[in-house]
Amino acid sequence: MSDSATIQLSYPPAQVLAGGRRCQVLAAIKQPNVVVLDQFLDAAACQALIDLARPRMKRSSVVHHLDGIRVDDSRTSSGCYFQRGELPVVADIEQRIADITGIPVENGEGLQVLNYQPGQHYVPHWDYFPLESASSADIVRPDKGGQRIATFLIYLNTVPMGGETEFPSAGVKVAAVQGNACFFSYCDAEGRLDPRTLHSGNAVIEGEKWIAVKWLREGRVPA
């Protein structure tokens, strides 16, 4: 991990500060490092982000270990990206994430907004790029920010049934509740990538699911 990137959400106390607001920690797990925050965003900000993203949505893609980026049935959502700081609401969210994690804004990839309709899902996967994968070498180059080190996920609406973020190796499921956030970092106490961060976006059973995702890297990601 870069010296400039520190993770403050490592088994945190009951409350943490995010952009001057106190967020209640609903759950904190040591191994893997998973933290669930209550009301990281208010309802108005959540709806504003949905409204901005809706006209830009396209079928989501995945990074395949041999073929690079492609559309795949393992991930059936729609999504879009916002460039870093592209809009005031995006810049505010990015700064709040930086404040709460200690990872600089410039170490973040563009904010992604995803929508899952009934039956749509994302199979268990890792957000980091496996070093043994042929497609990883170019993606994790230092001039591109290096390896991903953490994920910050914000639920933009409440899903009536299904749509949980599940960590099967840890026996943990996080319900999709509007405004709440789920943070997880990928390295264990020895600094090794932790396979227990394997996670899925469970199928939506009732309603739909909107989330915003920020992937954080070791170093600066080019704008």
C-alpha atoms as a PDB file:
ATOM      1  CA  MET A   1       0.000   0.000   0.000  1.00  0.00           C
ATOM      2  CA  SER A   2       1.156   3.524  -0.760  1.00  0.00           C
ATOM      3  CA  ASP A   3       2.391   5.614   2.182  1.00  0.00           C
ATOM      4  CA  SER A   4      -0.149   8.272   1.155  1.00  0.00           C
ATOM      5  CA  ALA A   5      -3.104   5.896   1.545  1.00  0.00           C
ATOM      6  CA  THR A   6      -4.279   5.038   5.056  1.00  0.00           C
ATOM      7  CA  ILE A   7      -7.411   3.158   6.012  1.00  0.00           C
ATOM      8  CA  GLN A   8      -9.097   4.647   9.052  1.00  0.00           C
ATOM      9  CA  LEU A   9     -12.102   2.318   8.844  1.00  0.00           C
ATOM     10  CA  SER A  10     -10.256  -0.626  10.317  1.00  0.00           C
ATOM     11  CA  TYR A  11     -12.438  -1.949  13.161  1.00  0.00           C
ATOM     12  CA  PRO A  12     -13.527   1.619  14.020  1.00  0.00           C
ATOM     13  CA  PRO A  13     -15.316   2.925  17.132  1.00  0.00           C
ATOM     14  CA  ALA A  14     -19.106   3.207  17.356  1.00  0.00           C
ATOM     15  CA  GLN A  15     -19.208   6.521  15.469  1.00  0.00           C
ATOM     16  CA  VAL A  16     -17.017   8.065  12.772  1.00  0.00           C
ATOM     17  CA  LEU A  17     -16.918  11.518  11.160  1.00  0.00           C
ATOM     18  CA  ALA A  18     -17.730  11.941   7.475  1.00  0.00           C
ATOM     19  CA  GLY A  19     -17.815  15.474   6.079  1.00  0.00           C
ATOM     20  CA  GLY A  20     -18.628  16.964   9.468  1.00  0.00           C
ATOM     21  CA  ARG A  21     -21.466  14.480  10.071  1.00  0.00           C
ATOM     22  CA  ARG A  22     -21.334  11.644  12.572  1.00  0.00           C
ATOM     23  CA  CYS A  23     -22.117   8.230  11.136  1.00  0.00           C
ATOM     24  CA  GLN A  24     -23.120   5.364  13.373  1.00  0.00           C
ATOM     25  CA  VAL A  25     -21.138   2.172  12.797  1.00  0.00           C
ATOM     26  CA  LEU A  26     -23.755  -0.562  12.497  1.00  0.00           C
ATOM     27  CA  ALA A  27     -21.278  -3.429  12.181  1.00  0.00           C
ATOM     28  CA  ALA A  28     -17.496  -3.875  12.083  1.00  0.00           C
ATOM     29  CA  ILE A  29     -15.714  -7.111  11.232  1.00  0.00           C
ATOM     30  CA  LYS A  30     -11.953  -7.562  11.646  1.00  0.00           C
ATOM     31  CA  GLN A  31     -11.259 -10.377   9.202  1.00  0.00           C
ATOM     32  CA  PRO A  32     -12.026  -9.520   6.507  1.00  0.00           C
ATOM     33  CA  ASN A  33     -12.218  -5.806   7.272  1.00  0.00           C
ATOM     34  CA  VAL A  34     -15.876  -4.925   6.620  1.00  0.00           C
ATOM     35  CA  VAL A  35     -17.614  -1.854   8.079  1.00  0.00           C
ATOM     36  CA  VAL A  36     -21.301  -0.948   7.697  1.00  0.00           C
ATOM     37  CA  LEU A  37     -22.259   2.704   8.250  1.00  0.00           C
ATOM     38  CA  ASP A  38     -25.690   4.142   8.991  1.00  0.00           C
ATOM     39  CA  GLN A  39     -26.878   7.062   6.830  1.00  0.00           C
ATOM     40  CA  PHE A  40     -23.646   8.035   5.122  1.00  0.00           C
ATOM     41  CA  LEU A  41     -25.820   9.916   2.598  1.00  0.00           C
ATOM     42  CA  ASP A  42     -29.211  11.519   3.107  1.00  0.00           C
ATOM     43  CA  ALA A  43     -32.233  10.668   0.949  1.00  0.00           C
ATOM     44  CA  ALA A  44     -31.958  13.833  -1.152  1.00  0.00           C
ATOM     45  CA  ALA A  45     -28.350  13.116  -2.165  1.00  0.00           C
ATOM     46  CA  CYS A  46     -29.218   9.495  -2.948  1.00  0.00           C
ATOM     47  CA  GLN A  47     -32.106  10.533  -5.210  1.00  0.00           C
ATOM     48  CA  ALA A  48     -30.028  13.244  -6.898  1.00  0.00           C
ATOM     49  CA  LEU A  49     -27.385  10.690  -7.837  1.00  0.00           C
ATOM     50  CA  ILE A  50     -30.009   8.280  -9.207  1.00  0.00           C
ATOM     51  CA  ASP A  51     -31.575  11.052 -11.296  1.00  0.00           C
ATOM     52  CA  LEU A  52     -28.192  12.079 -12.712  1.00  0.00           C
ATOM     53  CA  ALA A  53     -27.229   8.507 -13.545  1.00  0.00           C
ATOM     54  CA  ARG A  54     -30.499   7.246 -15.026  1.00  0.00           C
ATOM     55  CA  PRO A  55     -30.058   8.655 -18.586  1.00  0.00           C
ATOM     56  CA  ARG A  56     -26.443   7.415 -18.754  1.00  0.00           C
ATOM     57  CA  MET A  57     -26.974   3.758 -17.861  1.00  0.00           C
ATOM     58  CA  LYS A  58     -25.534   0.962 -20.011  1.00  0.00           C
ATOM     59  CA  ARG A  59     -25.078  -2.780 -19.511  1.00  0.00           C
ATOM     60  CA  SER A  60     -22.349  -3.445 -16.935  1.00  0.00           C
ATOM     61  CA  SER A  61     -19.085  -5.150 -17.902  1.00  0.00           C
ATOM     62  CA  VAL A  62     -16.505  -7.213 -16.017  1.00  0.00           C
ATOM     63  CA  VAL A  63     -12.719  -7.597 -16.181  1.00  0.00           C
ATOM     64  CA  HIS A  64     -12.097 -11.159 -17.401  1.00  0.00           C
ATOM     65  CA  HIS A  65      -8.810 -12.835 -16.406  1.00  0.00           C
ATOM     66  CA  LEU A  66      -7.907 -13.550 -20.061  1.00  0.00           C
ATOM     67  CA  ASP A  67     -10.102 -11.388 -22.274  1.00  0.00           C
ATOM     68  CA  GLY A  68      -9.961  -8.077 -20.429  1.00  0.00           C
ATOM     69  CA  ILE A  69     -13.134  -5.963 -20.145  1.00  0.00           C
ATOM     70  CA  ARG A  70     -16.267  -7.594 -21.538  1.00  0.00           C
ATOM     71  CA  VAL A  71     -20.023  -8.014 -20.973  1.00  0.00           C
ATOM     72  CA  ASP A  72     -20.704 -11.249 -19.119  1.00  0.00           C
ATOM     73  CA  ASP A  73     -23.732 -13.044 -17.646  1.00  0.00           C
ATOM     74  CA  SER A  74     -21.973 -13.127 -14.269  1.00  0.00           C
ATOM     75  CA  ARG A  75     -22.956  -9.456 -13.874  1.00  0.00           C
ATOM     76  CA  THR A  76     -26.372  -8.472 -15.180  1.00  0.00           C
ATOM     77  CA  SER A  77     -26.773  -4.912 -13.875  1.00  0.00           C
ATOM     78  CA  SER A  78     -26.643  -1.614 -15.743  1.00  0.00           C
ATOM     79  CA  GLY A  79     -24.229   1.137 -14.792  1.00  0.00           C
ATOM     80  CA  CYS A  80     -22.458   4.386 -15.562  1.00  0.00           C
ATOM     81  CA  TYR A  81     -19.346   6.246 -14.434  1.00  0.00           C
ATOM     82  CA  PHE A  82     -18.864   9.824 -13.309  1.00  0.00           C
ATOM     83  CA  GLN A  83     -15.431  11.344 -13.727  1.00  0.00           C
ATOM     84  CA  ARG A  84     -13.713  12.361 -10.516  1.00  0.00           C
ATOM     85  CA  GLY A  85     -15.233  15.657  -9.352  1.00  0.00           C
ATOM     86  CA  GLU A  86     -17.455  15.845 -12.445  1.00  0.00           C
ATOM     87  CA  LEU A  87     -20.454  17.276 -10.560  1.00  0.00           C
ATOM     88  CA  PRO A  88     -20.813  18.926  -7.134  1.00  0.00           C
ATOM     89  CA  VAL A  89     -22.710  15.969  -5.634  1.00  0.00           C
ATOM     90  CA  VAL A  90     -20.026  13.583  -6.928  1.00  0.00           C
ATOM     91  CA  ALA A  91     -17.177  15.748  -5.611  1.00  0.00           C
ATOM     92  CA  ASP A  92     -18.869  15.988  -2.203  1.00  0.00           C
ATOM     93  CA  ILE A  93     -19.273  12.212  -1.945  1.00  0.00           C
ATOM     94  CA  GLU A  94     -15.666  11.637  -2.997  1.00  0.00           C
ATOM     95  CA  GLN A  95     -14.369  14.080  -0.379  1.00  0.00           C
ATOM     96  CA  ARG A  96     -16.494  12.477   2.339  1.00  0.00           C
ATOM     97  CA  ILE A  97     -15.123   9.051   1.418  1.00  0.00           C
ATOM     98  CA  ALA A  98     -11.566  10.427   1.555  1.00  0.00           C
ATOM     99  CA  ASP A  99     -12.216  12.040   4.946  1.00  0.00           C
ATOM    100  CA  ILE A 100     -13.566   8.847   6.455  1.00  0.00           C
ATOM    101  CA  THR A 101     -11.031   6.397   4.983  1.00  0.00           C
ATOM    102  CA  GLY A 102      -7.887   8.515   4.903  1.00  0.00           C
ATOM    103  CA  ILE A 103      -7.385   7.527   1.246  1.00  0.00           C
ATOM    104  CA  PRO A 104      -6.906  10.636  -0.940  1.00  0.00           C
ATOM    105  CA  VAL A 105      -9.573  11.585  -3.471  1.00  0.00           C
ATOM    106  CA  GLU A 106      -7.046  11.212  -6.298  1.00  0.00           C
ATOM    107  CA  ASN A 107      -6.544   7.533  -5.388  1.00  0.00           C
ATOM    108  CA  GLY A 108     -10.142   6.798  -6.332  1.00  0.00           C
ATOM    109  CA  GLU A 109     -11.508   5.550  -9.619  1.00  0.00           C
ATOM    110  CA  GLY A 110     -14.513   7.354 -11.061  1.00  0.00           C
ATOM    111  CA  LEU A 111     -17.704   6.920  -9.055  1.00  0.00           C
ATOM    112  CA  GLN A 112     -19.864   4.178 -10.563  1.00  0.00           C
ATOM    113  CA  VAL A 113     -23.654   4.024 -10.178  1.00  0.00           C
ATOM    114  CA  LEU A 114     -25.325   0.637 -10.711  1.00  0.00           C
ATOM    115  CA  ASN A 115     -28.942  -0.443 -11.110  1.00  0.00           C
ATOM    116  CA  TYR A 116     -30.241  -3.980 -10.579  1.00  0.00           C
ATOM    117  CA  GLN A 117     -33.738  -4.920 -11.736  1.00  0.00           C
ATOM    118  CA  PRO A 118     -35.599  -7.991 -10.357  1.00  0.00           C
ATOM    119  CA  GLY A 119     -33.550 -11.129 -10.913  1.00  0.00           C
ATOM    120  CA  GLN A 120     -30.352  -9.229 -11.717  1.00  0.00           C
ATOM    121  CA  HIS A 121     -27.228 -10.029  -9.722  1.00  0.00           C
ATOM    122  CA  TYR A 122     -23.426 -10.158  -9.591  1.00  0.00           C
ATOM    123  CA  VAL A 123     -21.907 -13.563  -8.815  1.00  0.00           C
ATOM    124  CA  PRO A 124     -19.232 -13.912  -6.075  1.00  0.00           C
ATOM    125  CA  HIS A 125     -16.071 -12.062  -7.124  1.00  0.00           C
ATOM    126  CA  TRP A 126     -13.109 -10.062  -5.860  1.00  0.00           C
ATOM    127  CA  ASP A 127     -12.769  -6.347  -6.551  1.00  0.00           C
ATOM    128  CA  TYR A 128      -8.974  -6.504  -6.570  1.00  0.00           C
ATOM    129  CA  PHE A 129      -7.115  -7.728  -9.643  1.00  0.00           C
ATOM    130  CA  PRO A 130      -5.605 -11.213  -9.098  1.00  0.00           C
ATOM    131  CA  LEU A 131      -1.865 -11.014  -9.713  1.00  0.00           C
ATOM    132  CA  GLU A 132      -1.883 -14.353 -11.544  1.00  0.00           C
ATOM    133  CA  SER A 133      -4.398 -13.049 -14.082  1.00  0.00           C
ATOM    134  CA  ALA A 134      -3.010 -12.235 -17.522  1.00  0.00           C
ATOM    135  CA  SER A 135      -5.147  -9.106 -17.789  1.00  0.00           C
ATOM    136  CA  SER A 136      -4.030  -7.651 -14.419  1.00  0.00           C
ATOM    137  CA  ALA A 137      -0.475  -6.624 -15.289  1.00  0.00           C
ATOM    138  CA  ASP A 138      -1.496  -3.572 -17.321  1.00  0.00           C
ATOM    139  CA  ILE A 139      -4.377  -2.584 -15.023  1.00  0.00           C
ATOM    140  CA  VAL A 140      -2.245  -2.420 -11.848  1.00  0.00           C
ATOM    141  CA  ARG A 141       0.653  -0.449 -13.320  1.00  0.00           C
ATOM    142  CA  PRO A 142       1.862   2.291 -10.911  1.00  0.00           C
ATOM    143  CA  ASP A 143       1.029   5.022 -13.438  1.00  0.00           C
ATOM    144  CA  LYS A 144      -2.589   3.794 -13.380  1.00  0.00           C
ATOM    145  CA  GLY A 145      -2.841   3.806  -9.589  1.00  0.00           C
ATOM    146  CA  GLY A 146      -1.561   0.326  -8.805  1.00  0.00           C
ATOM    147  CA  GLN A 147      -3.689  -2.350  -7.177  1.00  0.00           C
ATOM    148  CA  ARG A 148      -7.157  -1.708  -5.782  1.00  0.00           C
ATOM    149  CA  ILE A 149      -7.066  -1.756  -1.984  1.00  0.00           C
ATOM    150  CA  ALA A 150     -10.654  -1.065  -0.883  1.00  0.00           C
ATOM    151  CA  THR A 151     -14.285  -0.633  -1.933  1.00  0.00           C
ATOM    152  CA  PHE A 152     -16.758   1.956  -0.634  1.00  0.00           C
ATOM    153  CA  LEU A 153     -20.336   1.059  -1.551  1.00  0.00           C
ATOM    154  CA  ILE A 154     -23.378   3.291  -0.912  1.00  0.00           C
ATOM    155  CA  TYR A 155     -26.963   2.048  -1.099  1.00  0.00           C
ATOM    156  CA  LEU A 156     -29.078   4.671  -2.878  1.00  0.00           C
ATOM    157  CA  ASN A 157     -32.451   3.027  -2.221  1.00  0.00           C
ATOM    158  CA  THR A 158     -33.919   0.392   0.072  1.00  0.00           C
ATOM    159  CA  VAL A 159     -34.531  -2.996  -1.559  1.00  0.00           C
ATOM    160  CA  PRO A 160     -37.702  -4.650  -0.181  1.00  0.00           C
ATOM    161  CA  MET A 161     -36.333  -8.170  -0.711  1.00  0.00           C
ATOM    162  CA  GLY A 162     -32.997  -9.511  -1.935  1.00  0.00           C
ATOM    163  CA  GLY A 163     -30.127  -7.426  -3.274  1.00  0.00           C
ATOM    164  CA  GLU A 164     -27.845  -7.955  -0.280  1.00  0.00           C
ATOM    165  CA  THR A 165     -24.072  -7.622  -0.462  1.00  0.00           C
ATOM    166  CA  GLU A 166     -22.895 -11.042   0.714  1.00  0.00           C
ATOM    167  CA  PHE A 167     -19.441 -12.172   1.859  1.00  0.00           C
ATOM    168  CA  PRO A 168     -19.839 -15.973   1.683  1.00  0.00           C
ATOM    169  CA  SER A 169     -16.412 -16.798   3.124  1.00  0.00           C
ATOM    170  CA  ALA A 170     -17.121 -14.615   6.160  1.00  0.00           C
ATOM    171  CA  GLY A 171     -20.782 -15.595   6.596  1.00  0.00           C
ATOM    172  CA  VAL A 172     -21.902 -11.962   6.340  1.00  0.00           C
ATOM    173  CA  LYS A 173     -24.789 -10.325   4.453  1.00  0.00           C
ATOM    174  CA  VAL A 174     -25.424  -6.573   4.302  1.00  0.00           C
ATOM    175  CA  ALA A 175     -28.958  -5.415   3.484  1.00  0.00           C
ATOM    176  CA  ALA A 176     -29.469  -2.639   0.935  1.00  0.00           C
ATOM    177  CA  VAL A 177     -30.864   0.269   3.003  1.00  0.00           C
ATOM    178  CA  GLN A 178     -31.029   3.775   1.536  1.00  0.00           C
ATOM    179  CA  GLY A 179     -28.156   6.000   2.647  1.00  0.00           C
ATOM    180  CA  ASN A 180     -26.176   3.246   4.361  1.00  0.00           C
ATOM    181  CA  ALA A 181     -22.661   2.376   3.226  1.00  0.00           C
ATOM    182  CA  CYS A 182     -20.522  -0.765   3.231  1.00  0.00           C
ATOM    183  CA  PHE A 183     -16.738  -0.395   3.226  1.00  0.00           C
ATOM    184  CA  PHE A 184     -14.268  -3.241   2.880  1.00  0.00           C
ATOM    185  CA  SER A 185     -10.504  -3.356   2.366  1.00  0.00           C
ATOM    186  CA  TYR A 186      -8.720  -6.279   0.791  1.00  0.00           C
ATOM    187  CA  CYS A 187      -5.471  -6.802   2.705  1.00  0.00           C
ATOM    188  CA  ASP A 188      -5.005  -8.956   5.790  1.00  0.00           C
ATOM    189  CA  ALA A 189      -2.803  -8.038   8.781  1.00  0.00           C
ATOM    190  CA  GLU A 190       0.311  -9.098   6.822  1.00  0.00           C
ATOM    191  CA  GLY A 191      -0.581  -6.904   3.847  1.00  0.00           C
ATOM    192  CA  ARG A 192      -1.579  -9.813   1.620  1.00  0.00           C
ATOM    193  CA  LEU A 193      -4.690  -9.730  -0.541  1.00  0.00           C
ATOM    194  CA  ASP A 194      -7.412 -11.422   1.484  1.00  0.00           C
ATOM    195  CA  PRO A 195      -9.552 -13.913  -0.474  1.00  0.00           C
ATOM    196  CA  ARG A 196     -12.200 -13.651   2.246  1.00  0.00           C
ATOM    197  CA  THR A 197     -13.269 -10.371   0.622  1.00  0.00           C
ATOM    198  CA  LEU A 198     -15.014 -12.494  -2.012  1.00  0.00           C
ATOM    199  CA  HIS A 199     -18.495 -10.983  -2.276  1.00  0.00           C
ATOM    200  CA  SER A 200     -21.644 -11.013  -4.371  1.00  0.00           C
ATOM    201  CA  GLY A 201     -24.507  -8.723  -5.230  1.00  0.00           C
ATOM    202  CA  ASN A 202     -27.406 -11.051  -4.529  1.00  0.00           C
ATOM    203  CA  ALA A 203     -30.331 -11.179  -6.928  1.00  0.00           C
ATOM    204  CA  VAL A 204     -33.052  -8.583  -6.395  1.00  0.00           C
ATOM    205  CA  ILE A 205     -36.291 -10.399  -5.543  1.00  0.00           C
ATOM    206  CA  GLU A 206     -38.631  -7.447  -5.099  1.00  0.00           C
ATOM    207  CA  GLY A 207     -38.227  -3.838  -6.232  1.00  0.00           C
ATOM    208  CA  GLU A 208     -34.959  -2.609  -7.728  1.00  0.00           C
ATOM    209  CA  LYS A 209     -31.527  -1.733  -6.394  1.00  0.00           C
ATOM    210  CA  TRP A 210     -29.440   1.409  -6.908  1.00  0.00           C
ATOM    211  CA  ILE A 211     -25.905   1.661  -5.518  1.00  0.00           C
ATOM    212  CA  ALA A 212     -22.874   3.900  -5.904  1.00  0.00           C
ATOM    213  CA  VAL A 213     -19.426   2.302  -5.801  1.00  0.00           C
ATOM    214  CA  LYS A 214     -16.000   3.874  -5.316  1.00  0.00           C
ATOM    215  CA  TRP A 215     -12.944   1.675  -5.870  1.00  0.00           C
ATOM    216  CA  LEU A 216      -9.815   2.925  -4.118  1.00  0.00           C
ATOM    217  CA  ARG A 217      -6.231   2.232  -5.199  1.00  0.00           C
ATOM    218  CA  GLU A 218      -2.698   2.272  -3.798  1.00  0.00           C
ATOM    219  CA  GLY A 219      -1.719   5.452  -5.621  1.00  0.00           C
ATOM    220  CA  ARG A 220      -3.018   8.272  -7.764  1.00  0.00           C
ATOM    221  CA  VAL A 221      -5.433   7.296 -10.535  1.00  0.00           C
ATOM    222  CA  PRO A 222      -5.129   9.498 -13.651  1.00  0.00           C
ATOM    223  CA  ALA A 223      -8.150  11.773 -14.092  1.00  0.00           C
END
